Amino acid sequence: MKFDYLDFDDSYALAVKCIWALGDIATKESFEKLKLLSKSNNTVIKENACHQLKKHSIT
């Protein structure tokens, strides 16, 4: 989702925090969501999702 009030945030801080939370949750379902996010066209989102998957040795 894209929120108007976050238009100024080029670092996607909220999305990154959510991605790290999915990594901390560490369930089958959260890893599936991270796999979807790792295919994002957004470089910041993609890199953070990939980092979380690698951290948990998920391919």
C-alpha atoms as a PDB file:
ATOM      1  CA  MET A   1       0.000   0.000   0.000  1.00  0.00           C
ATOM      2  CA  LYS A   2       1.031   3.533  -0.556  1.00  0.00           C
ATOM      3  CA  PHE A   3      -0.098   6.171   1.921  1.00  0.00           C
ATOM      4  CA  ASP A   4      -0.247   9.872   1.016  1.00  0.00           C
ATOM      5  CA  TYR A   5       1.099  10.919   4.407  1.00  0.00           C
ATOM      6  CA  LEU A   6       4.302   8.966   3.695  1.00  0.00           C
ATOM      7  CA  ASP A   7       5.008  10.601   0.304  1.00  0.00           C
ATOM      8  CA  PHE A   8       8.056  12.346   1.796  1.00  0.00           C
ATOM      9  CA  ASP A   9       9.648   9.071   2.969  1.00  0.00           C
ATOM     10  CA  ASP A  10      12.009   7.814   0.259  1.00  0.00           C
ATOM     11  CA  SER A  11      13.534   5.310   2.682  1.00  0.00           C
ATOM     12  CA  TYR A  12      10.239   3.438   3.113  1.00  0.00           C
ATOM     13  CA  ALA A  13      10.773   3.257   6.882  1.00  0.00           C
ATOM     14  CA  LEU A  14       7.313   1.852   7.641  1.00  0.00           C
ATOM     15  CA  ALA A  15       7.666  -0.881   5.025  1.00  0.00           C
ATOM     16  CA  VAL A  16      11.144  -1.783   6.288  1.00  0.00           C
ATOM     17  CA  LYS A  17       9.880  -2.030   9.871  1.00  0.00           C
ATOM     18  CA  CYS A  18       7.077  -4.309   8.702  1.00  0.00           C
ATOM     19  CA  ILE A  19       9.535  -6.471   6.776  1.00  0.00           C
ATOM     20  CA  TRP A  20      11.771  -6.813   9.837  1.00  0.00           C
ATOM     21  CA  ALA A  21       8.696  -7.673  11.922  1.00  0.00           C
ATOM     22  CA  LEU A  22       7.830 -10.440   9.446  1.00  0.00           C
ATOM     23  CA  GLY A  23      11.355 -11.772   9.889  1.00  0.00           C
ATOM     24  CA  ASP A  24      10.983 -11.692  13.684  1.00  0.00           C
ATOM     25  CA  ILE A  25       7.629 -13.487  13.486  1.00  0.00           C
ATOM     26  CA  ALA A  26       9.464 -16.287  11.652  1.00  0.00           C
ATOM     27  CA  THR A  27       6.524 -18.457  10.645  1.00  0.00           C
ATOM     28  CA  LYS A  28       5.837 -20.253   7.405  1.00  0.00           C
ATOM     29  CA  GLU A  29       3.279 -17.578   6.544  1.00  0.00           C
ATOM     30  CA  SER A  30       5.598 -14.655   7.299  1.00  0.00           C
ATOM     31  CA  PHE A  31       8.331 -16.200   5.157  1.00  0.00           C
ATOM     32  CA  GLU A  32       5.848 -16.595   2.295  1.00  0.00           C
ATOM     33  CA  LYS A  33       5.054 -12.867   2.519  1.00  0.00           C
ATOM     34  CA  LEU A  34       8.773 -12.067   2.563  1.00  0.00           C
ATOM     35  CA  LYS A  35       9.235 -14.172  -0.568  1.00  0.00           C
ATOM     36  CA  LEU A  36       6.548 -12.100  -2.296  1.00  0.00           C
ATOM     37  CA  LEU A  37       8.175  -8.867  -1.134  1.00  0.00           C
ATOM     38  CA  SER A  38      11.583 -10.070  -2.345  1.00  0.00           C
ATOM     39  CA  LYS A  39      10.198  -9.848  -5.897  1.00  0.00           C
ATOM     40  CA  SER A  40       9.178  -6.200  -5.485  1.00  0.00           C
ATOM     41  CA  ASN A  41      10.157  -3.594  -8.077  1.00  0.00           C
ATOM     42  CA  ASN A  42      11.049  -1.305  -5.176  1.00  0.00           C
ATOM     43  CA  THR A  43      14.766  -1.774  -4.429  1.00  0.00           C
ATOM     44  CA  VAL A  44      14.505  -0.874  -0.725  1.00  0.00           C
ATOM     45  CA  ILE A  45      11.676  -3.335  -0.119  1.00  0.00           C
ATOM     46  CA  LYS A  46      13.311  -6.059  -2.202  1.00  0.00           C
ATOM     47  CA  GLU A  47      16.708  -5.757  -0.483  1.00  0.00           C
ATOM     48  CA  ASN A  48      15.230  -5.802   3.014  1.00  0.00           C
ATOM     49  CA  ALA A  49      13.009  -8.788   2.277  1.00  0.00           C
ATOM     50  CA  CYS A  50      15.961 -10.675   0.785  1.00  0.00           C
ATOM     51  CA  HIS A  51      18.054  -9.808   3.832  1.00  0.00           C
ATOM     52  CA  GLN A  52      15.419 -11.275   6.149  1.00  0.00           C
ATOM     53  CA  LEU A  53      15.139 -14.438   4.074  1.00  0.00           C
ATOM     54  CA  LYS A  54      18.930 -14.896   4.058  1.00  0.00           C
ATOM     55  CA  LYS A  55      19.077 -14.212   7.793  1.00  0.00           C
ATOM     56  CA  HIS A  56      16.757 -17.159   8.339  1.00  0.00           C
ATOM     57  CA  SER A  57      18.394 -19.301   5.621  1.00  0.00           C
ATOM     58  CA  ILE A  58      15.216 -19.307   3.538  1.00  0.00           C
ATOM     59  CA  THR A  59      15.593 -19.581  -0.224  1.00  0.00           C
END
